[in-house]
Amino acid sequence: RYYRTEYQDSVKGRFTISRDNAKNT
């Protein structure tokens, strides 16, 4: 709902998770 994110420390700052609910992806 709020698109809060969490990351493993080893990837934080390099990886970005996102979602598009309209595309189910």
PDBML (XML) file of the C-alpha atoms, coordinates in Angstrom:
<?xml version="1.0" encoding="UTF-8" ?>
<PDBx:datablock datablockName="MODEL"
   xmlns:PDBx="http://pdbml.pdb.org/schema/pdbx-v50.xsd"
   xmlns:xsi="http://www.w3.org/2001/XMLSchema-instance"
   xsi:schemaLocation="http://pdbml.pdb.org/schema/pdbx-v50.xsd pdbx-v50.xsd">
   <PDBx:atom_siteCategory>
      <PDBx:atom_site id="1">
         <PDBx:B_iso_or_equiv>0.00</PDBx:B_iso_or_equiv>
         <PDBx:Cartn_x>0.000</PDBx:Cartn_x>
         <PDBx:Cartn_y>0.000</PDBx:Cartn_y>
         <PDBx:Cartn_z>0.000</PDBx:Cartn_z>
         <PDBx:auth_asym_id>A</PDBx:auth_asym_id>
         <PDBx:auth_atom_id>CA</PDBx:auth_atom_id>
         <PDBx:auth_comp_id>ARG</PDBx:auth_comp_id>
         <PDBx:auth_seq_id>1</PDBx:auth_seq_id>
         <PDBx:group_PDB>ATOM</PDBx:group_PDB>
         <PDBx:label_alt_id xsi:nil="true" />
         <PDBx:label_asym_id>A</PDBx:label_asym_id>
         <PDBx:label_atom_id>CA</PDBx:label_atom_id>
         <PDBx:label_comp_id>ARG</PDBx:label_comp_id>
         <PDBx:label_entity_id>1</PDBx:label_entity_id>
         <PDBx:label_seq_id>1</PDBx:label_seq_id>
         <PDBx:occupancy>1.00</PDBx:occupancy>
         <PDBx:pdbx_PDB_model_num>1</PDBx:pdbx_PDB_model_num>
         <PDBx:type_symbol>C</PDBx:type_symbol>
      </PDBx:atom_site>
      <PDBx:atom_site id="2">
         <PDBx:B_iso_or_equiv>0.00</PDBx:B_iso_or_equiv>
         <PDBx:Cartn_x>2.536</PDBx:Cartn_x>
         <PDBx:Cartn_y>2.596</PDBx:Cartn_y>
         <PDBx:Cartn_z>1.064</PDBx:Cartn_z>
         <PDBx:auth_asym_id>A</PDBx:auth_asym_id>
         <PDBx:auth_atom_id>CA</PDBx:auth_atom_id>
         <PDBx:auth_comp_id>TYR</PDBx:auth_comp_id>
         <PDBx:auth_seq_id>2</PDBx:auth_seq_id>
         <PDBx:group_PDB>ATOM</PDBx:group_PDB>
         <PDBx:label_alt_id xsi:nil="true" />
         <PDBx:label_asym_id>A</PDBx:label_asym_id>
         <PDBx:label_atom_id>CA</PDBx:label_atom_id>
         <PDBx:label_comp_id>TYR</PDBx:label_comp_id>
         <PDBx:label_entity_id>1</PDBx:label_entity_id>
         <PDBx:label_seq_id>2</PDBx:label_seq_id>
         <PDBx:occupancy>1.00</PDBx:occupancy>
         <PDBx:pdbx_PDB_model_num>1</PDBx:pdbx_PDB_model_num>
         <PDBx:type_symbol>C</PDBx:type_symbol>
      </PDBx:atom_site>
      <PDBx:atom_site id="3">
         <PDBx:B_iso_or_equiv>0.00</PDBx:B_iso_or_equiv>
         <PDBx:Cartn_x>5.459</PDBx:Cartn_x>
         <PDBx:Cartn_y>1.222</PDBx:Cartn_y>
         <PDBx:Cartn_z>-0.926</PDBx:Cartn_z>
         <PDBx:auth_asym_id>A</PDBx:auth_asym_id>
         <PDBx:auth_atom_id>CA</PDBx:auth_atom_id>
         <PDBx:auth_comp_id>TYR</PDBx:auth_comp_id>
         <PDBx:auth_seq_id>3</PDBx:auth_seq_id>
         <PDBx:group_PDB>ATOM</PDBx:group_PDB>
         <PDBx:label_alt_id xsi:nil="true" />
         <PDBx:label_asym_id>A</PDBx:label_asym_id>
         <PDBx:label_atom_id>CA</PDBx:label_atom_id>
         <PDBx:label_comp_id>TYR</PDBx:label_comp_id>
         <PDBx:label_entity_id>1</PDBx:label_entity_id>
         <PDBx:label_seq_id>3</PDBx:label_seq_id>
         <PDBx:occupancy>1.00</PDBx:occupancy>
         <PDBx:pdbx_PDB_model_num>1</PDBx:pdbx_PDB_model_num>
         <PDBx:type_symbol>C</PDBx:type_symbol>
      </PDBx:atom_site>
      <PDBx:atom_site id="4">
         <PDBx:B_iso_or_equiv>0.00</PDBx:B_iso_or_equiv>
         <PDBx:Cartn_x>7.727</PDBx:Cartn_x>
         <PDBx:Cartn_y>1.093</PDBx:Cartn_y>
         <PDBx:Cartn_z>2.083</PDBx:Cartn_z>
         <PDBx:auth_asym_id>A</PDBx:auth_asym_id>
         <PDBx:auth_atom_id>CA</PDBx:auth_atom_id>
         <PDBx:auth_comp_id>ARG</PDBx:auth_comp_id>
         <PDBx:auth_seq_id>4</PDBx:auth_seq_id>
         <PDBx:group_PDB>ATOM</PDBx:group_PDB>
         <PDBx:label_alt_id xsi:nil="true" />
         <PDBx:label_asym_id>A</PDBx:label_asym_id>
         <PDBx:label_atom_id>CA</PDBx:label_atom_id>
         <PDBx:label_comp_id>ARG</PDBx:label_comp_id>
         <PDBx:label_entity_id>1</PDBx:label_entity_id>
         <PDBx:label_seq_id>4</PDBx:label_seq_id>
         <PDBx:occupancy>1.00</PDBx:occupancy>
         <PDBx:pdbx_PDB_model_num>1</PDBx:pdbx_PDB_model_num>
         <PDBx:type_symbol>C</PDBx:type_symbol>
      </PDBx:atom_site>
      <PDBx:atom_site id="5">
         <PDBx:B_iso_or_equiv>0.00</PDBx:B_iso_or_equiv>
         <PDBx:Cartn_x>10.962</PDBx:Cartn_x>
         <PDBx:Cartn_y>-0.660</PDBx:Cartn_y>
         <PDBx:Cartn_z>1.281</PDBx:Cartn_z>
         <PDBx:auth_asym_id>A</PDBx:auth_asym_id>
         <PDBx:auth_atom_id>CA</PDBx:auth_atom_id>
         <PDBx:auth_comp_id>THR</PDBx:auth_comp_id>
         <PDBx:auth_seq_id>5</PDBx:auth_seq_id>
         <PDBx:group_PDB>ATOM</PDBx:group_PDB>
         <PDBx:label_alt_id xsi:nil="true" />
         <PDBx:label_asym_id>A</PDBx:label_asym_id>
         <PDBx:label_atom_id>CA</PDBx:label_atom_id>
         <PDBx:label_comp_id>THR</PDBx:label_comp_id>
         <PDBx:label_entity_id>1</PDBx:label_entity_id>
         <PDBx:label_seq_id>5</PDBx:label_seq_id>
         <PDBx:occupancy>1.00</PDBx:occupancy>
         <PDBx:pdbx_PDB_model_num>1</PDBx:pdbx_PDB_model_num>
         <PDBx:type_symbol>C</PDBx:type_symbol>
      </PDBx:atom_site>
      <PDBx:atom_site id="6">
         <PDBx:B_iso_or_equiv>0.00</PDBx:B_iso_or_equiv>
         <PDBx:Cartn_x>13.595</PDBx:Cartn_x>
         <PDBx:Cartn_y>-2.738</PDBx:Cartn_y>
         <PDBx:Cartn_z>3.043</PDBx:Cartn_z>
         <PDBx:auth_asym_id>A</PDBx:auth_asym_id>
         <PDBx:auth_atom_id>CA</PDBx:auth_atom_id>
         <PDBx:auth_comp_id>GLU</PDBx:auth_comp_id>
         <PDBx:auth_seq_id>6</PDBx:auth_seq_id>
         <PDBx:group_PDB>ATOM</PDBx:group_PDB>
         <PDBx:label_alt_id xsi:nil="true" />
         <PDBx:label_asym_id>A</PDBx:label_asym_id>
         <PDBx:label_atom_id>CA</PDBx:label_atom_id>
         <PDBx:label_comp_id>GLU</PDBx:label_comp_id>
         <PDBx:label_entity_id>1</PDBx:label_entity_id>
         <PDBx:label_seq_id>6</PDBx:label_seq_id>
         <PDBx:occupancy>1.00</PDBx:occupancy>
         <PDBx:pdbx_PDB_model_num>1</PDBx:pdbx_PDB_model_num>
         <PDBx:type_symbol>C</PDBx:type_symbol>
      </PDBx:atom_site>
      <PDBx:atom_site id="7">
         <PDBx:B_iso_or_equiv>0.00</PDBx:B_iso_or_equiv>
         <PDBx:Cartn_x>17.010</PDBx:Cartn_x>
         <PDBx:Cartn_y>-3.760</PDBx:Cartn_y>
         <PDBx:Cartn_z>1.789</PDBx:Cartn_z>
         <PDBx:auth_asym_id>A</PDBx:auth_asym_id>
         <PDBx:auth_atom_id>CA</PDBx:auth_atom_id>
         <PDBx:auth_comp_id>TYR</PDBx:auth_comp_id>
         <PDBx:auth_seq_id>7</PDBx:auth_seq_id>
         <PDBx:group_PDB>ATOM</PDBx:group_PDB>
         <PDBx:label_alt_id xsi:nil="true" />
         <PDBx:label_asym_id>A</PDBx:label_asym_id>
         <PDBx:label_atom_id>CA</PDBx:label_atom_id>
         <PDBx:label_comp_id>TYR</PDBx:label_comp_id>
         <PDBx:label_entity_id>1</PDBx:label_entity_id>
         <PDBx:label_seq_id>7</PDBx:label_seq_id>
         <PDBx:occupancy>1.00</PDBx:occupancy>
         <PDBx:pdbx_PDB_model_num>1</PDBx:pdbx_PDB_model_num>
         <PDBx:type_symbol>C</PDBx:type_symbol>
      </PDBx:atom_site>
      <PDBx:atom_site id="8">
         <PDBx:B_iso_or_equiv>0.00</PDBx:B_iso_or_equiv>
         <PDBx:Cartn_x>19.813</PDBx:Cartn_x>
         <PDBx:Cartn_y>-6.079</PDBx:Cartn_y>
         <PDBx:Cartn_z>2.648</PDBx:Cartn_z>
         <PDBx:auth_asym_id>A</PDBx:auth_asym_id>
         <PDBx:auth_atom_id>CA</PDBx:auth_atom_id>
         <PDBx:auth_comp_id>GLN</PDBx:auth_comp_id>
         <PDBx:auth_seq_id>8</PDBx:auth_seq_id>
         <PDBx:group_PDB>ATOM</PDBx:group_PDB>
         <PDBx:label_alt_id xsi:nil="true" />
         <PDBx:label_asym_id>A</PDBx:label_asym_id>
         <PDBx:label_atom_id>CA</PDBx:label_atom_id>
         <PDBx:label_comp_id>GLN</PDBx:label_comp_id>
         <PDBx:label_entity_id>1</PDBx:label_entity_id>
         <PDBx:label_seq_id>8</PDBx:label_seq_id>
         <PDBx:occupancy>1.00</PDBx:occupancy>
         <PDBx:pdbx_PDB_model_num>1</PDBx:pdbx_PDB_model_num>
         <PDBx:type_symbol>C</PDBx:type_symbol>
      </PDBx:atom_site>
      <PDBx:atom_site id="9">
         <PDBx:B_iso_or_equiv>0.00</PDBx:B_iso_or_equiv>
         <PDBx:Cartn_x>22.764</PDBx:Cartn_x>
         <PDBx:Cartn_y>-3.977</PDBx:Cartn_y>
         <PDBx:Cartn_z>3.777</PDBx:Cartn_z>
         <PDBx:auth_asym_id>A</PDBx:auth_asym_id>
         <PDBx:auth_atom_id>CA</PDBx:auth_atom_id>
         <PDBx:auth_comp_id>ASP</PDBx:auth_comp_id>
         <PDBx:auth_seq_id>9</PDBx:auth_seq_id>
         <PDBx:group_PDB>ATOM</PDBx:group_PDB>
         <PDBx:label_alt_id xsi:nil="true" />
         <PDBx:label_asym_id>A</PDBx:label_asym_id>
         <PDBx:label_atom_id>CA</PDBx:label_atom_id>
         <PDBx:label_comp_id>ASP</PDBx:label_comp_id>
         <PDBx:label_entity_id>1</PDBx:label_entity_id>
         <PDBx:label_seq_id>9</PDBx:label_seq_id>
         <PDBx:occupancy>1.00</PDBx:occupancy>
         <PDBx:pdbx_PDB_model_num>1</PDBx:pdbx_PDB_model_num>
         <PDBx:type_symbol>C</PDBx:type_symbol>
      </PDBx:atom_site>
      <PDBx:atom_site id="10">
         <PDBx:B_iso_or_equiv>0.00</PDBx:B_iso_or_equiv>
         <PDBx:Cartn_x>25.010</PDBx:Cartn_x>
         <PDBx:Cartn_y>-5.300</PDBx:Cartn_y>
         <PDBx:Cartn_z>1.037</PDBx:Cartn_z>
         <PDBx:auth_asym_id>A</PDBx:auth_asym_id>
         <PDBx:auth_atom_id>CA</PDBx:auth_atom_id>
         <PDBx:auth_comp_id>SER</PDBx:auth_comp_id>
         <PDBx:auth_seq_id>10</PDBx:auth_seq_id>
         <PDBx:group_PDB>ATOM</PDBx:group_PDB>
         <PDBx:label_alt_id xsi:nil="true" />
         <PDBx:label_asym_id>A</PDBx:label_asym_id>
         <PDBx:label_atom_id>CA</PDBx:label_atom_id>
         <PDBx:label_comp_id>SER</PDBx:label_comp_id>
         <PDBx:label_entity_id>1</PDBx:label_entity_id>
         <PDBx:label_seq_id>10</PDBx:label_seq_id>
         <PDBx:occupancy>1.00</PDBx:occupancy>
         <PDBx:pdbx_PDB_model_num>1</PDBx:pdbx_PDB_model_num>
         <PDBx:type_symbol>C</PDBx:type_symbol>
      </PDBx:atom_site>
      <PDBx:atom_site id="11">
         <PDBx:B_iso_or_equiv>0.00</PDBx:B_iso_or_equiv>
         <PDBx:Cartn_x>22.763</PDBx:Cartn_x>
         <PDBx:Cartn_y>-3.916</PDBx:Cartn_y>
         <PDBx:Cartn_z>-1.707</PDBx:Cartn_z>
         <PDBx:auth_asym_id>A</PDBx:auth_asym_id>
         <PDBx:auth_atom_id>CA</PDBx:auth_atom_id>
         <PDBx:auth_comp_id>VAL</PDBx:auth_comp_id>
         <PDBx:auth_seq_id>11</PDBx:auth_seq_id>
         <PDBx:group_PDB>ATOM</PDBx:group_PDB>
         <PDBx:label_alt_id xsi:nil="true" />
         <PDBx:label_asym_id>A</PDBx:label_asym_id>
         <PDBx:label_atom_id>CA</PDBx:label_atom_id>
         <PDBx:label_comp_id>VAL</PDBx:label_comp_id>
         <PDBx:label_entity_id>1</PDBx:label_entity_id>
         <PDBx:label_seq_id>11</PDBx:label_seq_id>
         <PDBx:occupancy>1.00</PDBx:occupancy>
         <PDBx:pdbx_PDB_model_num>1</PDBx:pdbx_PDB_model_num>
         <PDBx:type_symbol>C</PDBx:type_symbol>
      </PDBx:atom_site>
      <PDBx:atom_site id="12">
         <PDBx:B_iso_or_equiv>0.00</PDBx:B_iso_or_equiv>
         <PDBx:Cartn_x>21.474</PDBx:Cartn_x>
         <PDBx:Cartn_y>-0.737</PDBx:Cartn_y>
         <PDBx:Cartn_z>-0.107</PDBx:Cartn_z>
         <PDBx:auth_asym_id>A</PDBx:auth_asym_id>
         <PDBx:auth_atom_id>CA</PDBx:auth_atom_id>
         <PDBx:auth_comp_id>LYS</PDBx:auth_comp_id>
         <PDBx:auth_seq_id>12</PDBx:auth_seq_id>
         <PDBx:group_PDB>ATOM</PDBx:group_PDB>
         <PDBx:label_alt_id xsi:nil="true" />
         <PDBx:label_asym_id>A</PDBx:label_asym_id>
         <PDBx:label_atom_id>CA</PDBx:label_atom_id>
         <PDBx:label_comp_id>LYS</PDBx:label_comp_id>
         <PDBx:label_entity_id>1</PDBx:label_entity_id>
         <PDBx:label_seq_id>12</PDBx:label_seq_id>
         <PDBx:occupancy>1.00</PDBx:occupancy>
         <PDBx:pdbx_PDB_model_num>1</PDBx:pdbx_PDB_model_num>
         <PDBx:type_symbol>C</PDBx:type_symbol>
      </PDBx:atom_site>
      <PDBx:atom_site id="13">
         <PDBx:B_iso_or_equiv>0.00</PDBx:B_iso_or_equiv>
         <PDBx:Cartn_x>22.355</PDBx:Cartn_x>
         <PDBx:Cartn_y>2.266</PDBx:Cartn_y>
         <PDBx:Cartn_z>-2.235</PDBx:Cartn_z>
         <PDBx:auth_asym_id>A</PDBx:auth_asym_id>
         <PDBx:auth_atom_id>CA</PDBx:auth_atom_id>
         <PDBx:auth_comp_id>GLY</PDBx:auth_comp_id>
         <PDBx:auth_seq_id>13</PDBx:auth_seq_id>
         <PDBx:group_PDB>ATOM</PDBx:group_PDB>
         <PDBx:label_alt_id xsi:nil="true" />
         <PDBx:label_asym_id>A</PDBx:label_asym_id>
         <PDBx:label_atom_id>CA</PDBx:label_atom_id>
         <PDBx:label_comp_id>GLY</PDBx:label_comp_id>
         <PDBx:label_entity_id>1</PDBx:label_entity_id>
         <PDBx:label_seq_id>13</PDBx:label_seq_id>
         <PDBx:occupancy>1.00</PDBx:occupancy>
         <PDBx:pdbx_PDB_model_num>1</PDBx:pdbx_PDB_model_num>
         <PDBx:type_symbol>C</PDBx:type_symbol>
      </PDBx:atom_site>
      <PDBx:atom_site id="14">
         <PDBx:B_iso_or_equiv>0.00</PDBx:B_iso_or_equiv>
         <PDBx:Cartn_x>22.880</PDBx:Cartn_x>
         <PDBx:Cartn_y>0.116</PDBx:Cartn_y>
         <PDBx:Cartn_z>-5.318</PDBx:Cartn_z>
         <PDBx:auth_asym_id>A</PDBx:auth_asym_id>
         <PDBx:auth_atom_id>CA</PDBx:auth_atom_id>
         <PDBx:auth_comp_id>ARG</PDBx:auth_comp_id>
         <PDBx:auth_seq_id>14</PDBx:auth_seq_id>
         <PDBx:group_PDB>ATOM</PDBx:group_PDB>
         <PDBx:label_alt_id xsi:nil="true" />
         <PDBx:label_asym_id>A</PDBx:label_asym_id>
         <PDBx:label_atom_id>CA</PDBx:label_atom_id>
         <PDBx:label_comp_id>ARG</PDBx:label_comp_id>
         <PDBx:label_entity_id>1</PDBx:label_entity_id>
         <PDBx:label_seq_id>14</PDBx:label_seq_id>
         <PDBx:occupancy>1.00</PDBx:occupancy>
         <PDBx:pdbx_PDB_model_num>1</PDBx:pdbx_PDB_model_num>
         <PDBx:type_symbol>C</PDBx:type_symbol>
      </PDBx:atom_site>
      <PDBx:atom_site id="15">
         <PDBx:B_iso_or_equiv>0.00</PDBx:B_iso_or_equiv>
         <PDBx:Cartn_x>19.592</PDBx:Cartn_x>
         <PDBx:Cartn_y>-1.757</PDBx:Cartn_y>
         <PDBx:Cartn_z>-5.709</PDBx:Cartn_z>
         <PDBx:auth_asym_id>A</PDBx:auth_asym_id>
         <PDBx:auth_atom_id>CA</PDBx:auth_atom_id>
         <PDBx:auth_comp_id>PHE</PDBx:auth_comp_id>
         <PDBx:auth_seq_id>15</PDBx:auth_seq_id>
         <PDBx:group_PDB>ATOM</PDBx:group_PDB>
         <PDBx:label_alt_id xsi:nil="true" />
         <PDBx:label_asym_id>A</PDBx:label_asym_id>
         <PDBx:label_atom_id>CA</PDBx:label_atom_id>
         <PDBx:label_comp_id>PHE</PDBx:label_comp_id>
         <PDBx:label_entity_id>1</PDBx:label_entity_id>
         <PDBx:label_seq_id>15</PDBx:label_seq_id>
         <PDBx:occupancy>1.00</PDBx:occupancy>
         <PDBx:pdbx_PDB_model_num>1</PDBx:pdbx_PDB_model_num>
         <PDBx:type_symbol>C</PDBx:type_symbol>
      </PDBx:atom_site>
      <PDBx:atom_site id="16">
         <PDBx:B_iso_or_equiv>0.00</PDBx:B_iso_or_equiv>
         <PDBx:Cartn_x>16.103</PDBx:Cartn_x>
         <PDBx:Cartn_y>-0.290</PDBx:Cartn_y>
         <PDBx:Cartn_z>-5.841</PDBx:Cartn_z>
         <PDBx:auth_asym_id>A</PDBx:auth_asym_id>
         <PDBx:auth_atom_id>CA</PDBx:auth_atom_id>
         <PDBx:auth_comp_id>THR</PDBx:auth_comp_id>
         <PDBx:auth_seq_id>16</PDBx:auth_seq_id>
         <PDBx:group_PDB>ATOM</PDBx:group_PDB>
         <PDBx:label_alt_id xsi:nil="true" />
         <PDBx:label_asym_id>A</PDBx:label_asym_id>
         <PDBx:label_atom_id>CA</PDBx:label_atom_id>
         <PDBx:label_comp_id>THR</PDBx:label_comp_id>
         <PDBx:label_entity_id>1</PDBx:label_entity_id>
         <PDBx:label_seq_id>16</PDBx:label_seq_id>
         <PDBx:occupancy>1.00</PDBx:occupancy>
         <PDBx:pdbx_PDB_model_num>1</PDBx:pdbx_PDB_model_num>
         <PDBx:type_symbol>C</PDBx:type_symbol>
      </PDBx:atom_site>
      <PDBx:atom_site id="17">
         <PDBx:B_iso_or_equiv>0.00</PDBx:B_iso_or_equiv>
         <PDBx:Cartn_x>12.890</PDBx:Cartn_x>
         <PDBx:Cartn_y>-2.261</PDBx:Cartn_y>
         <PDBx:Cartn_z>-5.502</PDBx:Cartn_z>
         <PDBx:auth_asym_id>A</PDBx:auth_asym_id>
         <PDBx:auth_atom_id>CA</PDBx:auth_atom_id>
         <PDBx:auth_comp_id>ILE</PDBx:auth_comp_id>
         <PDBx:auth_seq_id>17</PDBx:auth_seq_id>
         <PDBx:group_PDB>ATOM</PDBx:group_PDB>
         <PDBx:label_alt_id xsi:nil="true" />
         <PDBx:label_asym_id>A</PDBx:label_asym_id>
         <PDBx:label_atom_id>CA</PDBx:label_atom_id>
         <PDBx:label_comp_id>ILE</PDBx:label_comp_id>
         <PDBx:label_entity_id>1</PDBx:label_entity_id>
         <PDBx:label_seq_id>17</PDBx:label_seq_id>
         <PDBx:occupancy>1.00</PDBx:occupancy>
         <PDBx:pdbx_PDB_model_num>1</PDBx:pdbx_PDB_model_num>
         <PDBx:type_symbol>C</PDBx:type_symbol>
      </PDBx:atom_site>
      <PDBx:atom_site id="18">
         <PDBx:B_iso_or_equiv>0.00</PDBx:B_iso_or_equiv>
         <PDBx:Cartn_x>9.710</PDBx:Cartn_x>
         <PDBx:Cartn_y>-0.826</PDBx:Cartn_y>
         <PDBx:Cartn_z>-6.957</PDBx:Cartn_z>
         <PDBx:auth_asym_id>A</PDBx:auth_asym_id>
         <PDBx:auth_atom_id>CA</PDBx:auth_atom_id>
         <PDBx:auth_comp_id>SER</PDBx:auth_comp_id>
         <PDBx:auth_seq_id>18</PDBx:auth_seq_id>
         <PDBx:group_PDB>ATOM</PDBx:group_PDB>
         <PDBx:label_alt_id xsi:nil="true" />
         <PDBx:label_asym_id>A</PDBx:label_asym_id>
         <PDBx:label_atom_id>CA</PDBx:label_atom_id>
         <PDBx:label_comp_id>SER</PDBx:label_comp_id>
         <PDBx:label_entity_id>1</PDBx:label_entity_id>
         <PDBx:label_seq_id>18</PDBx:label_seq_id>
         <PDBx:occupancy>1.00</PDBx:occupancy>
         <PDBx:pdbx_PDB_model_num>1</PDBx:pdbx_PDB_model_num>
         <PDBx:type_symbol>C</PDBx:type_symbol>
      </PDBx:atom_site>
      <PDBx:atom_site id="19">
         <PDBx:B_iso_or_equiv>0.00</PDBx:B_iso_or_equiv>
         <PDBx:Cartn_x>6.291</PDBx:Cartn_x>
         <PDBx:Cartn_y>-1.985</PDBx:Cartn_y>
         <PDBx:Cartn_z>-8.040</PDBx:Cartn_z>
         <PDBx:auth_asym_id>A</PDBx:auth_asym_id>
         <PDBx:auth_atom_id>CA</PDBx:auth_atom_id>
         <PDBx:auth_comp_id>ARG</PDBx:auth_comp_id>
         <PDBx:auth_seq_id>19</PDBx:auth_seq_id>
         <PDBx:group_PDB>ATOM</PDBx:group_PDB>
         <PDBx:label_alt_id xsi:nil="true" />
         <PDBx:label_asym_id>A</PDBx:label_asym_id>
         <PDBx:label_atom_id>CA</PDBx:label_atom_id>
         <PDBx:label_comp_id>ARG</PDBx:label_comp_id>
         <PDBx:label_entity_id>1</PDBx:label_entity_id>
         <PDBx:label_seq_id>19</PDBx:label_seq_id>
         <PDBx:occupancy>1.00</PDBx:occupancy>
         <PDBx:pdbx_PDB_model_num>1</PDBx:pdbx_PDB_model_num>
         <PDBx:type_symbol>C</PDBx:type_symbol>
      </PDBx:atom_site>
      <PDBx:atom_site id="20">
         <PDBx:B_iso_or_equiv>0.00</PDBx:B_iso_or_equiv>
         <PDBx:Cartn_x>3.588</PDBx:Cartn_x>
         <PDBx:Cartn_y>-1.067</PDBx:Cartn_y>
         <PDBx:Cartn_z>-10.496</PDBx:Cartn_z>
         <PDBx:auth_asym_id>A</PDBx:auth_asym_id>
         <PDBx:auth_atom_id>CA</PDBx:auth_atom_id>
         <PDBx:auth_comp_id>ASP</PDBx:auth_comp_id>
         <PDBx:auth_seq_id>20</PDBx:auth_seq_id>
         <PDBx:group_PDB>ATOM</PDBx:group_PDB>
         <PDBx:label_alt_id xsi:nil="true" />
         <PDBx:label_asym_id>A</PDBx:label_asym_id>
         <PDBx:label_atom_id>CA</PDBx:label_atom_id>
         <PDBx:label_comp_id>ASP</PDBx:label_comp_id>
         <PDBx:label_entity_id>1</PDBx:label_entity_id>
         <PDBx:label_seq_id>20</PDBx:label_seq_id>
         <PDBx:occupancy>1.00</PDBx:occupancy>
         <PDBx:pdbx_PDB_model_num>1</PDBx:pdbx_PDB_model_num>
         <PDBx:type_symbol>C</PDBx:type_symbol>
      </PDBx:atom_site>
      <PDBx:atom_site id="21">
         <PDBx:B_iso_or_equiv>0.00</PDBx:B_iso_or_equiv>
         <PDBx:Cartn_x>0.293</PDBx:Cartn_x>
         <PDBx:Cartn_y>-2.484</PDBx:Cartn_y>
         <PDBx:Cartn_z>-9.303</PDBx:Cartn_z>
         <PDBx:auth_asym_id>A</PDBx:auth_asym_id>
         <PDBx:auth_atom_id>CA</PDBx:auth_atom_id>
         <PDBx:auth_comp_id>ASN</PDBx:auth_comp_id>
         <PDBx:auth_seq_id>21</PDBx:auth_seq_id>
         <PDBx:group_PDB>ATOM</PDBx:group_PDB>
         <PDBx:label_alt_id xsi:nil="true" />
         <PDBx:label_asym_id>A</PDBx:label_asym_id>
         <PDBx:label_atom_id>CA</PDBx:label_atom_id>
         <PDBx:label_comp_id>ASN</PDBx:label_comp_id>
         <PDBx:label_entity_id>1</PDBx:label_entity_id>
         <PDBx:label_seq_id>21</PDBx:label_seq_id>
         <PDBx:occupancy>1.00</PDBx:occupancy>
         <PDBx:pdbx_PDB_model_num>1</PDBx:pdbx_PDB_model_num>
         <PDBx:type_symbol>C</PDBx:type_symbol>
      </PDBx:atom_site>
      <PDBx:atom_site id="22">
         <PDBx:B_iso_or_equiv>0.00</PDBx:B_iso_or_equiv>
         <PDBx:Cartn_x>-1.414</PDBx:Cartn_x>
         <PDBx:Cartn_y>-1.515</PDBx:Cartn_y>
         <PDBx:Cartn_z>-12.550</PDBx:Cartn_z>
         <PDBx:auth_asym_id>A</PDBx:auth_asym_id>
         <PDBx:auth_atom_id>CA</PDBx:auth_atom_id>
         <PDBx:auth_comp_id>ALA</PDBx:auth_comp_id>
         <PDBx:auth_seq_id>22</PDBx:auth_seq_id>
         <PDBx:group_PDB>ATOM</PDBx:group_PDB>
         <PDBx:label_alt_id xsi:nil="true" />
         <PDBx:label_asym_id>A</PDBx:label_asym_id>
         <PDBx:label_atom_id>CA</PDBx:label_atom_id>
         <PDBx:label_comp_id>ALA</PDBx:label_comp_id>
         <PDBx:label_entity_id>1</PDBx:label_entity_id>
         <PDBx:label_seq_id>22</PDBx:label_seq_id>
         <PDBx:occupancy>1.00</PDBx:occupancy>
         <PDBx:pdbx_PDB_model_num>1</PDBx:pdbx_PDB_model_num>
         <PDBx:type_symbol>C</PDBx:type_symbol>
      </PDBx:atom_site>
      <PDBx:atom_site id="23">
         <PDBx:B_iso_or_equiv>0.00</PDBx:B_iso_or_equiv>
         <PDBx:Cartn_x>0.987</PDBx:Cartn_x>
         <PDBx:Cartn_y>-3.849</PDBx:Cartn_y>
         <PDBx:Cartn_z>-14.348</PDBx:Cartn_z>
         <PDBx:auth_asym_id>A</PDBx:auth_asym_id>
         <PDBx:auth_atom_id>CA</PDBx:auth_atom_id>
         <PDBx:auth_comp_id>LYS</PDBx:auth_comp_id>
         <PDBx:auth_seq_id>23</PDBx:auth_seq_id>
         <PDBx:group_PDB>ATOM</PDBx:group_PDB>
         <PDBx:label_alt_id xsi:nil="true" />
         <PDBx:label_asym_id>A</PDBx:label_asym_id>
         <PDBx:label_atom_id>CA</PDBx:label_atom_id>
         <PDBx:label_comp_id>LYS</PDBx:label_comp_id>
         <PDBx:label_entity_id>1</PDBx:label_entity_id>
         <PDBx:label_seq_id>23</PDBx:label_seq_id>
         <PDBx:occupancy>1.00</PDBx:occupancy>
         <PDBx:pdbx_PDB_model_num>1</PDBx:pdbx_PDB_model_num>
         <PDBx:type_symbol>C</PDBx:type_symbol>
      </PDBx:atom_site>
      <PDBx:atom_site id="24">
         <PDBx:B_iso_or_equiv>0.00</PDBx:B_iso_or_equiv>
         <PDBx:Cartn_x>1.043</PDBx:Cartn_x>
         <PDBx:Cartn_y>-6.514</PDBx:Cartn_y>
         <PDBx:Cartn_z>-11.618</PDBx:Cartn_z>
         <PDBx:auth_asym_id>A</PDBx:auth_asym_id>
         <PDBx:auth_atom_id>CA</PDBx:auth_atom_id>
         <PDBx:auth_comp_id>ASN</PDBx:auth_comp_id>
         <PDBx:auth_seq_id>24</PDBx:auth_seq_id>
         <PDBx:group_PDB>ATOM</PDBx:group_PDB>
         <PDBx:label_alt_id xsi:nil="true" />
         <PDBx:label_asym_id>A</PDBx:label_asym_id>
         <PDBx:label_atom_id>CA</PDBx:label_atom_id>
         <PDBx:label_comp_id>ASN</PDBx:label_comp_id>
         <PDBx:label_entity_id>1</PDBx:label_entity_id>
         <PDBx:label_seq_id>24</PDBx:label_seq_id>
         <PDBx:occupancy>1.00</PDBx:occupancy>
         <PDBx:pdbx_PDB_model_num>1</PDBx:pdbx_PDB_model_num>
         <PDBx:type_symbol>C</PDBx:type_symbol>
      </PDBx:atom_site>
      <PDBx:atom_site id="25">
         <PDBx:B_iso_or_equiv>0.00</PDBx:B_iso_or_equiv>
         <PDBx:Cartn_x>4.809</PDBx:Cartn_x>
         <PDBx:Cartn_y>-6.275</PDBx:Cartn_y>
         <PDBx:Cartn_z>-11.633</PDBx:Cartn_z>
         <PDBx:auth_asym_id>A</PDBx:auth_asym_id>
         <PDBx:auth_atom_id>CA</PDBx:auth_atom_id>
         <PDBx:auth_comp_id>THR</PDBx:auth_comp_id>
         <PDBx:auth_seq_id>25</PDBx:auth_seq_id>
         <PDBx:group_PDB>ATOM</PDBx:group_PDB>
         <PDBx:label_alt_id xsi:nil="true" />
         <PDBx:label_asym_id>A</PDBx:label_asym_id>
         <PDBx:label_atom_id>CA</PDBx:label_atom_id>
         <PDBx:label_comp_id>THR</PDBx:label_comp_id>
         <PDBx:label_entity_id>1</PDBx:label_entity_id>
         <PDBx:label_seq_id>25</PDBx:label_seq_id>
         <PDBx:occupancy>1.00</PDBx:occupancy>
         <PDBx:pdbx_PDB_model_num>1</PDBx:pdbx_PDB_model_num>
         <PDBx:type_symbol>C</PDBx:type_symbol>
      </PDBx:atom_site>
   </PDBx:atom_siteCategory>
</PDBx:datablock>
